[in-house]
Amino acid sequence: MPILHLTGPLGTSISVDVPEERELLSVLRRYGRQGWTSGDLPAGGLSLPLAMADTFDWALIGARPYTSPDGEQAVIYKGQSYKRRELDEVDTKKIKLPRIVKYSRGARPTDPLNLKEGEEGGVQYVTLISFRGGGRVIEAYVDTAAVSK
């Protein structure tokens, strides 16, 4: 029987028995909607196909999307707000970068160095997740409510 080890929004840790492996994602979603997370995200954040930028199920990682009073899209994850940033494709003779949608926040002095992106002494960011490339949509990670909107 699989066991999920989760951390709540207030730092409480619990372990949840999952009766069958095929139920893992549904249990993760159920707890994730309440802000429970499972583990830490990798340095540089998660990376998923660009096609999932508008349909990813944030509950899977314990994040909650919201729209700021200024109309900006963002998510709350572990008490931190990550803003949606859209980076257009760049194609010049010197550099070629694909379109990217990423959720990131300004780095803090207390953030571990391996999570910070950007030049030291300049503006630095911490990325939660980035959507890039032409990969296939991972159906198991799609928020069906977002698709029907």
N, C-alpha and C. Protein backbone atom coordinates (compact mmCIF):
# COMPACT_ATOMS: atom_id res chain seq x y z
N MET A 1 0.85 -1.18 0.00
CA MET A 1 0.00 0.00 0.00
C MET A 1 0.90 1.24 0.00
N PRO A 2 0.72 2.12 -0.99
CA PRO A 2 1.53 3.36 -1.03
C PRO A 2 1.18 4.29 0.13
N ILE A 3 2.16 5.06 0.53
CA ILE A 3 1.98 6.05 1.60
C ILE A 3 2.47 7.40 1.08
N LEU A 4 1.64 8.43 1.26
CA LEU A 4 2.03 9.80 0.92
C LEU A 4 2.43 10.51 2.21
N HIS A 5 3.58 11.16 2.18
CA HIS A 5 4.03 11.97 3.31
C HIS A 5 3.78 13.42 2.91
N LEU A 6 2.93 14.09 3.66
CA LEU A 6 2.49 15.43 3.31
C LEU A 6 2.83 16.44 4.40
N THR A 7 3.02 17.68 3.97
CA THR A 7 3.24 18.79 4.89
C THR A 7 2.14 19.82 4.66
N GLY A 8 1.49 20.23 5.74
CA GLY A 8 0.37 21.17 5.64
C GLY A 8 0.83 22.60 5.61
N PRO A 9 -0.09 23.51 5.35
CA PRO A 9 0.24 24.93 5.26
C PRO A 9 0.83 25.51 6.55
N LEU A 10 0.57 24.86 7.69
CA LEU A 10 1.10 25.34 8.96
C LEU A 10 2.32 24.55 9.41
N GLY A 11 2.84 23.70 8.51
CA GLY A 11 4.05 22.93 8.81
C GLY A 11 3.80 21.57 9.43
N THR A 12 2.55 21.20 9.63
CA THR A 12 2.21 19.90 10.18
C THR A 12 2.52 18.81 9.17
N SER A 13 3.10 17.72 9.64
CA SER A 13 3.41 16.58 8.76
C SER A 13 2.48 15.42 9.08
N ILE A 14 1.99 14.78 8.03
CA ILE A 14 1.16 13.58 8.20
C ILE A 14 1.56 12.56 7.14
N SER A 15 1.19 11.33 7.39
CA SER A 15 1.36 10.27 6.40
C SER A 15 -0.02 9.72 6.11
N VAL A 16 -0.31 9.54 4.83
CA VAL A 16 -1.63 9.08 4.40
C VAL A 16 -1.47 7.78 3.64
N ASP A 17 -2.16 6.73 4.11
CA ASP A 17 -2.17 5.46 3.39
C ASP A 17 -3.09 5.60 2.19
N VAL A 18 -2.62 5.16 1.04
CA VAL A 18 -3.42 5.18 -0.18
C VAL A 18 -3.73 3.72 -0.52
N PRO A 19 -5.02 3.35 -0.52
CA PRO A 19 -5.38 1.94 -0.70
C PRO A 19 -4.79 1.30 -1.97
N GLU A 20 -4.83 2.03 -3.07
CA GLU A 20 -4.31 1.49 -4.33
C GLU A 20 -3.49 2.55 -5.05
N GLU A 21 -2.47 2.10 -5.76
CA GLU A 21 -1.57 3.02 -6.47
C GLU A 21 -2.32 3.91 -7.45
N ARG A 22 -3.33 3.40 -8.09
CA ARG A 22 -4.08 4.18 -9.08
C ARG A 22 -4.83 5.35 -8.45
N GLU A 23 -4.93 5.38 -7.12
CA GLU A 23 -5.61 6.46 -6.42
C GLU A 23 -4.66 7.56 -5.94
N LEU A 24 -3.37 7.41 -6.18
CA LEU A 24 -2.39 8.38 -5.68
C LEU A 24 -2.70 9.81 -6.09
N LEU A 25 -2.95 10.03 -7.38
CA LEU A 25 -3.18 11.40 -7.84
C LEU A 25 -4.47 11.99 -7.29
N SER A 26 -5.50 11.17 -7.15
CA SER A 26 -6.76 11.71 -6.61
C SER A 26 -6.59 12.07 -5.13
N VAL A 27 -5.83 11.28 -4.38
CA VAL A 27 -5.57 11.61 -2.97
C VAL A 27 -4.70 12.87 -2.89
N LEU A 28 -3.70 12.96 -3.75
CA LEU A 28 -2.84 14.15 -3.79
C LEU A 28 -3.66 15.40 -4.09
N ARG A 29 -4.58 15.29 -5.05
CA ARG A 29 -5.46 16.42 -5.39
C ARG A 29 -6.32 16.83 -4.19
N ARG A 30 -6.90 15.84 -3.53
CA ARG A 30 -7.79 16.13 -2.40
C ARG A 30 -7.05 16.91 -1.30
N TYR A 31 -5.87 16.45 -0.94
CA TYR A 31 -5.10 17.15 0.09
C TYR A 31 -4.49 18.45 -0.47
N GLY A 32 -4.06 18.44 -1.71
CA GLY A 32 -3.47 19.61 -2.33
C GLY A 32 -4.41 20.80 -2.39
N ARG A 33 -5.69 20.54 -2.57
CA ARG A 33 -6.68 21.64 -2.58
C ARG A 33 -6.72 22.37 -1.25
N GLN A 34 -6.26 21.71 -0.21
CA GLN A 34 -6.23 22.30 1.12
C GLN A 34 -4.85 22.87 1.45
N GLY A 35 -3.92 22.81 0.49
CA GLY A 35 -2.59 23.38 0.68
C GLY A 35 -1.53 22.41 1.14
N TRP A 36 -1.86 21.12 1.25
CA TRP A 36 -0.87 20.12 1.64
C TRP A 36 0.07 19.86 0.47
N THR A 37 1.35 19.71 0.76
CA THR A 37 2.36 19.46 -0.28
C THR A 37 3.09 18.15 0.00
N SER A 38 3.67 17.61 -1.03
CA SER A 38 4.41 16.35 -0.92
C SER A 38 5.83 16.58 -1.43
N GLY A 39 6.75 16.76 -0.53
CA GLY A 39 8.14 16.94 -0.94
C GLY A 39 8.46 18.36 -1.37
N ASP A 40 9.68 18.52 -1.86
CA ASP A 40 10.14 19.82 -2.32
C ASP A 40 10.32 19.79 -3.83
N LEU A 41 10.15 20.93 -4.44
CA LEU A 41 10.34 21.02 -5.88
C LEU A 41 11.83 21.17 -6.19
N PRO A 42 12.26 20.72 -7.35
CA PRO A 42 13.68 20.79 -7.70
C PRO A 42 14.13 22.22 -7.98
N ALA A 43 15.44 22.45 -7.87
CA ALA A 43 16.01 23.75 -8.24
C ALA A 43 15.62 24.04 -9.68
N GLY A 44 15.22 25.26 -9.96
CA GLY A 44 14.75 25.61 -11.30
C GLY A 44 13.27 25.34 -11.49
N GLY A 45 12.65 24.69 -10.52
CA GLY A 45 11.22 24.41 -10.58
C GLY A 45 10.89 23.21 -11.45
N LEU A 46 9.62 22.88 -11.47
CA LEU A 46 9.13 21.82 -12.35
C LEU A 46 9.16 22.32 -13.78
N SER A 47 9.23 21.41 -14.72
CA SER A 47 9.19 21.77 -16.13
C SER A 47 8.19 20.86 -16.84
N LEU A 48 7.20 21.48 -17.46
CA LEU A 48 6.16 20.74 -18.17
C LEU A 48 5.97 21.34 -19.56
N PRO A 49 5.30 20.61 -20.47
CA PRO A 49 5.07 21.12 -21.83
C PRO A 49 4.26 22.42 -21.82
N LEU A 50 4.57 23.30 -22.76
CA LEU A 50 3.87 24.58 -22.90
C LEU A 50 2.36 24.39 -23.03
N ALA A 51 1.94 23.32 -23.67
CA ALA A 51 0.51 23.07 -23.88
C ALA A 51 -0.25 22.91 -22.57
N MET A 52 0.45 22.74 -21.46
CA MET A 52 -0.22 22.55 -20.17
C MET A 52 -0.30 23.83 -19.35
N ALA A 53 0.18 24.95 -19.87
CA ALA A 53 0.26 26.20 -19.11
C ALA A 53 -1.09 26.66 -18.57
N ASP A 54 -2.16 26.38 -19.29
CA ASP A 54 -3.47 26.85 -18.85
C ASP A 54 -4.35 25.75 -18.27
N THR A 55 -3.84 24.52 -18.24
CA THR A 55 -4.68 23.42 -17.78
C THR A 55 -4.06 22.59 -16.66
N PHE A 56 -2.87 22.96 -16.19
CA PHE A 56 -2.21 22.20 -15.13
C PHE A 56 -3.05 22.23 -13.86
N ASP A 57 -3.14 21.10 -13.18
CA ASP A 57 -3.90 21.02 -11.93
C ASP A 57 -2.99 21.37 -10.77
N TRP A 58 -3.10 22.59 -10.28
CA TRP A 58 -2.25 23.11 -9.23
C TRP A 58 -2.40 22.34 -7.92
N ALA A 59 -3.53 21.70 -7.72
CA ALA A 59 -3.75 20.92 -6.49
C ALA A 59 -2.72 19.80 -6.35
N LEU A 60 -2.19 19.32 -7.45
CA LEU A 60 -1.21 18.22 -7.41
C LEU A 60 0.05 18.60 -6.62
N ILE A 61 0.38 19.88 -6.57
CA ILE A 61 1.56 20.30 -5.81
C ILE A 61 1.17 21.14 -4.58
N GLY A 62 -0.12 21.23 -4.31
CA GLY A 62 -0.57 21.98 -3.14
C GLY A 62 -0.60 23.48 -3.35
N ALA A 63 -0.66 23.92 -4.59
CA ALA A 63 -0.71 25.35 -4.91
C ALA A 63 -2.14 25.77 -5.24
N ARG A 64 -2.43 27.05 -5.02
CA ARG A 64 -3.75 27.57 -5.34
C ARG A 64 -3.64 28.78 -6.25
N PRO A 65 -4.26 28.72 -7.42
CA PRO A 65 -4.20 29.88 -8.32
C PRO A 65 -5.13 31.00 -7.85
N TYR A 66 -4.75 32.23 -8.21
CA TYR A 66 -5.61 33.38 -7.92
C TYR A 66 -5.26 34.48 -8.92
N THR A 67 -6.13 35.46 -8.99
CA THR A 67 -5.89 36.64 -9.81
C THR A 67 -5.78 37.83 -8.87
N SER A 68 -4.70 38.60 -9.03
CA SER A 68 -4.46 39.74 -8.15
C SER A 68 -5.45 40.86 -8.48
N PRO A 69 -5.58 41.84 -7.59
CA PRO A 69 -6.46 42.98 -7.88
C PRO A 69 -6.06 43.71 -9.17
N ASP A 70 -4.78 43.59 -9.57
CA ASP A 70 -4.31 44.22 -10.81
C ASP A 70 -4.59 43.36 -12.04
N GLY A 71 -5.19 42.18 -11.83
CA GLY A 71 -5.51 41.29 -12.95
C GLY A 71 -4.40 40.32 -13.31
N GLU A 72 -3.34 40.26 -12.50
CA GLU A 72 -2.24 39.35 -12.79
C GLU A 72 -2.55 37.96 -12.23
N GLN A 73 -2.20 36.94 -13.02
CA GLN A 73 -2.39 35.57 -12.56
C GLN A 73 -1.20 35.15 -11.71
N ALA A 74 -1.49 34.42 -10.65
CA ALA A 74 -0.44 33.96 -9.74
C ALA A 74 -0.93 32.71 -9.03
N VAL A 75 -0.02 32.07 -8.30
CA VAL A 75 -0.38 30.95 -7.43
C VAL A 75 0.28 31.13 -6.07
N ILE A 76 -0.37 30.60 -5.05
CA ILE A 76 0.20 30.56 -3.71
C ILE A 76 0.71 29.14 -3.51
N TYR A 77 1.96 29.02 -3.12
CA TYR A 77 2.57 27.72 -2.86
C TYR A 77 3.44 27.84 -1.62
N LYS A 78 3.12 27.06 -0.60
CA LYS A 78 3.85 27.08 0.67
C LYS A 78 3.99 28.50 1.23
N GLY A 79 2.90 29.26 1.14
CA GLY A 79 2.88 30.60 1.71
C GLY A 79 3.55 31.67 0.87
N GLN A 80 4.04 31.33 -0.30
CA GLN A 80 4.71 32.29 -1.18
C GLN A 80 3.86 32.51 -2.44
N SER A 81 3.88 33.71 -2.95
CA SER A 81 3.15 34.02 -4.17
C SER A 81 4.09 34.00 -5.37
N TYR A 82 3.71 33.25 -6.40
CA TYR A 82 4.49 33.13 -7.64
C TYR A 82 3.66 33.70 -8.78
N LYS A 83 4.20 34.70 -9.44
CA LYS A 83 3.51 35.42 -10.51
C LYS A 83 3.74 34.75 -11.86
N ARG A 84 2.70 34.76 -12.69
CA ARG A 84 2.81 34.22 -14.05
C ARG A 84 3.57 35.21 -14.91
N ARG A 85 4.61 34.70 -15.58
CA ARG A 85 5.40 35.51 -16.51
C ARG A 85 5.43 34.80 -17.85
N GLU A 86 5.16 35.54 -18.90
CA GLU A 86 5.19 34.96 -20.24
C GLU A 86 6.36 35.54 -20.99
N LEU A 87 7.27 34.68 -21.40
CA LEU A 87 8.46 35.09 -22.13
C LEU A 87 8.27 34.70 -23.59
N ASP A 88 8.25 35.68 -24.46
CA ASP A 88 8.03 35.42 -25.88
C ASP A 88 9.24 34.71 -26.50
N GLU A 89 8.97 34.05 -27.60
CA GLU A 89 10.03 33.37 -28.34
C GLU A 89 11.04 34.39 -28.85
N VAL A 90 12.32 34.04 -28.77
CA VAL A 90 13.39 34.88 -29.29
C VAL A 90 14.13 34.08 -30.34
N ASP A 91 14.25 34.64 -31.52
CA ASP A 91 14.95 33.94 -32.60
C ASP A 91 15.81 34.95 -33.36
N THR A 92 17.08 35.02 -32.99
CA THR A 92 18.01 35.90 -33.67
C THR A 92 19.18 35.07 -34.18
N LYS A 93 20.12 35.71 -34.82
CA LYS A 93 21.29 34.99 -35.31
C LYS A 93 22.13 34.44 -34.16
N LYS A 94 22.11 35.14 -33.02
CA LYS A 94 22.95 34.73 -31.89
C LYS A 94 22.25 33.80 -30.91
N ILE A 95 20.93 33.92 -30.80
CA ILE A 95 20.23 33.16 -29.77
C ILE A 95 18.85 32.73 -30.26
N LYS A 96 18.44 31.55 -29.81
CA LYS A 96 17.10 31.07 -30.13
C LYS A 96 16.50 30.48 -28.85
N LEU A 97 15.44 31.11 -28.37
CA LEU A 97 14.76 30.66 -27.16
C LEU A 97 13.28 30.44 -27.46
N PRO A 98 12.72 29.36 -26.96
CA PRO A 98 11.29 29.10 -27.19
C PRO A 98 10.43 29.97 -26.28
N ARG A 99 9.14 30.03 -26.58
CA ARG A 99 8.19 30.72 -25.71
C ARG A 99 8.11 29.94 -24.40
N ILE A 100 8.05 30.66 -23.30
CA ILE A 100 7.98 30.03 -21.98
C ILE A 100 6.94 30.75 -21.14
N VAL A 101 6.16 29.99 -20.41
CA VAL A 101 5.27 30.53 -19.39
C VAL A 101 5.82 29.99 -18.08
N LYS A 102 6.15 30.90 -17.17
CA LYS A 102 6.71 30.45 -15.90
C LYS A 102 6.06 31.17 -14.74
N TYR A 103 6.05 30.51 -13.62
CA TYR A 103 5.56 31.09 -12.38
C TYR A 103 6.77 31.23 -11.47
N SER A 104 7.08 32.47 -11.12
CA SER A 104 8.27 32.74 -10.31
C SER A 104 8.01 33.92 -9.38
N ARG A 105 8.95 34.08 -8.45
CA ARG A 105 8.88 35.20 -7.50
C ARG A 105 10.28 35.75 -7.32
N GLY A 106 10.37 36.94 -6.80
CA GLY A 106 11.67 37.51 -6.49
C GLY A 106 12.35 36.70 -5.40
N ALA A 107 13.65 36.47 -5.55
CA ALA A 107 14.40 35.71 -4.55
C ALA A 107 14.58 36.55 -3.29
N ARG A 108 14.67 35.85 -2.19
CA ARG A 108 14.90 36.48 -0.89
C ARG A 108 16.30 36.10 -0.40
N PRO A 109 16.87 36.91 0.46
CA PRO A 109 18.20 36.57 0.99
C PRO A 109 18.23 35.21 1.70
N THR A 110 17.09 34.79 2.23
CA THR A 110 17.03 33.52 2.97
C THR A 110 16.85 32.30 2.07
N ASP A 111 16.60 32.51 0.77
CA ASP A 111 16.43 31.38 -0.16
C ASP A 111 17.78 30.68 -0.37
N PRO A 112 17.77 29.34 -0.43
CA PRO A 112 19.02 28.62 -0.72
C PRO A 112 19.59 29.05 -2.07
N LEU A 113 20.90 29.13 -2.16
CA LEU A 113 21.57 29.59 -3.39
C LEU A 113 21.19 28.75 -4.60
N ASN A 114 21.00 27.43 -4.42
CA ASN A 114 20.70 26.57 -5.57
C ASN A 114 19.33 26.84 -6.17
N LEU A 115 18.45 27.56 -5.48
CA LEU A 115 17.13 27.88 -6.01
C LEU A 115 17.10 29.22 -6.76
N LYS A 116 18.10 30.05 -6.53
CA LYS A 116 18.10 31.39 -7.12
C LYS A 116 18.59 31.35 -8.56
N GLU A 117 17.87 32.11 -9.41
CA GLU A 117 18.27 32.27 -10.81
C GLU A 117 18.60 33.73 -11.04
N GLY A 118 19.54 33.99 -11.92
CA GLY A 118 19.94 35.36 -12.21
C GLY A 118 21.31 35.63 -11.63
N GLU A 119 21.83 36.80 -11.97
CA GLU A 119 23.19 37.12 -11.54
C GLU A 119 23.21 37.63 -10.11
N GLU A 120 24.22 37.18 -9.36
CA GLU A 120 24.38 37.64 -7.99
C GLU A 120 24.61 39.15 -8.00
N GLY A 121 23.93 39.84 -7.13
CA GLY A 121 24.02 41.29 -7.08
C GLY A 121 22.97 41.97 -7.95
N GLY A 122 22.38 41.20 -8.87
CA GLY A 122 21.31 41.72 -9.73
C GLY A 122 19.97 41.14 -9.29
N VAL A 123 19.00 41.27 -10.16
CA VAL A 123 17.67 40.73 -9.87
C VAL A 123 17.74 39.21 -9.95
N GLN A 124 17.24 38.54 -8.92
CA GLN A 124 17.22 37.09 -8.90
C GLN A 124 15.80 36.60 -8.66
N TYR A 125 15.51 35.42 -9.19
CA TYR A 125 14.18 34.83 -9.09
C TYR A 125 14.26 33.41 -8.58
N VAL A 126 13.14 32.93 -8.06
CA VAL A 126 12.95 31.53 -7.73
C VAL A 126 11.77 31.05 -8.56
N THR A 127 11.98 30.04 -9.38
CA THR A 127 10.94 29.53 -10.27
C THR A 127 10.25 28.33 -9.62
N LEU A 128 8.92 28.38 -9.61
CA LEU A 128 8.12 27.26 -9.13
C LEU A 128 7.91 26.24 -10.24
N ILE A 129 7.52 26.74 -11.41
CA ILE A 129 7.22 25.85 -12.53
C ILE A 129 7.37 26.62 -13.84
N SER A 130 7.83 25.94 -14.88
CA SER A 130 7.89 26.56 -16.20
C SER A 130 7.27 25.61 -17.21
N PHE A 131 6.57 26.20 -18.15
CA PHE A 131 5.92 25.45 -19.22
C PHE A 131 6.63 25.86 -20.51
N ARG A 132 7.24 24.89 -21.18
CA ARG A 132 7.98 25.20 -22.40
C ARG A 132 8.01 24.00 -23.32
N GLY A 133 8.26 24.26 -24.56
CA GLY A 133 8.46 23.18 -25.52
C GLY A 133 7.17 22.58 -26.04
N GLY A 134 7.35 21.70 -27.01
CA GLY A 134 6.21 21.11 -27.70
C GLY A 134 5.83 19.74 -27.22
N GLY A 135 6.18 19.39 -25.99
CA GLY A 135 5.83 18.06 -25.48
C GLY A 135 4.34 17.84 -25.41
N ARG A 136 3.99 16.59 -25.24
CA ARG A 136 2.58 16.21 -25.17
C ARG A 136 1.99 16.55 -23.80
N VAL A 137 0.71 16.83 -23.80
CA VAL A 137 -0.02 17.08 -22.56
C VAL A 137 -0.04 15.78 -21.75
N ILE A 138 0.23 15.89 -20.47
CA ILE A 138 0.16 14.73 -19.58
C ILE A 138 -1.24 14.75 -18.97
N GLU A 139 -2.11 13.93 -19.53
CA GLU A 139 -3.53 13.94 -19.17
C GLU A 139 -3.76 13.80 -17.67
N ALA A 140 -2.94 13.00 -16.99
CA ALA A 140 -3.12 12.78 -15.56
C ALA A 140 -2.90 14.06 -14.75
N TYR A 141 -2.21 15.05 -15.31
CA TYR A 141 -1.91 16.30 -14.59
C TYR A 141 -2.83 17.45 -14.98
N VAL A 142 -3.83 17.18 -15.78
CA VAL A 142 -4.73 18.23 -16.27
C VAL A 142 -5.87 18.46 -15.28
N ASP A 143 -6.18 19.72 -15.04
CA ASP A 143 -7.32 20.12 -14.23
C ASP A 143 -8.53 20.15 -15.16
N THR A 144 -9.40 19.17 -15.02
CA THR A 144 -10.54 19.06 -15.93
C THR A 144 -11.46 20.28 -15.84
N ALA A 145 -11.52 20.95 -14.70
CA ALA A 145 -12.33 22.16 -14.56
C ALA A 145 -11.74 23.29 -15.42
N ALA A 146 -10.41 23.36 -15.53
CA ALA A 146 -9.76 24.40 -16.34
C ALA A 146 -10.01 24.15 -17.82
N VAL A 147 -10.10 22.91 -18.23
CA VAL A 147 -10.31 22.57 -19.63
C VAL A 147 -11.71 22.96 -20.06
N SER A 148 -12.69 22.82 -19.17
CA SER A 148 -14.09 23.10 -19.53
C SER A 148 -14.43 24.58 -19.54
N LYS A 149 -13.49 25.45 -19.11
CA LYS A 149 -13.76 26.90 -19.07
C LYS A 149 -13.69 27.49 -20.45
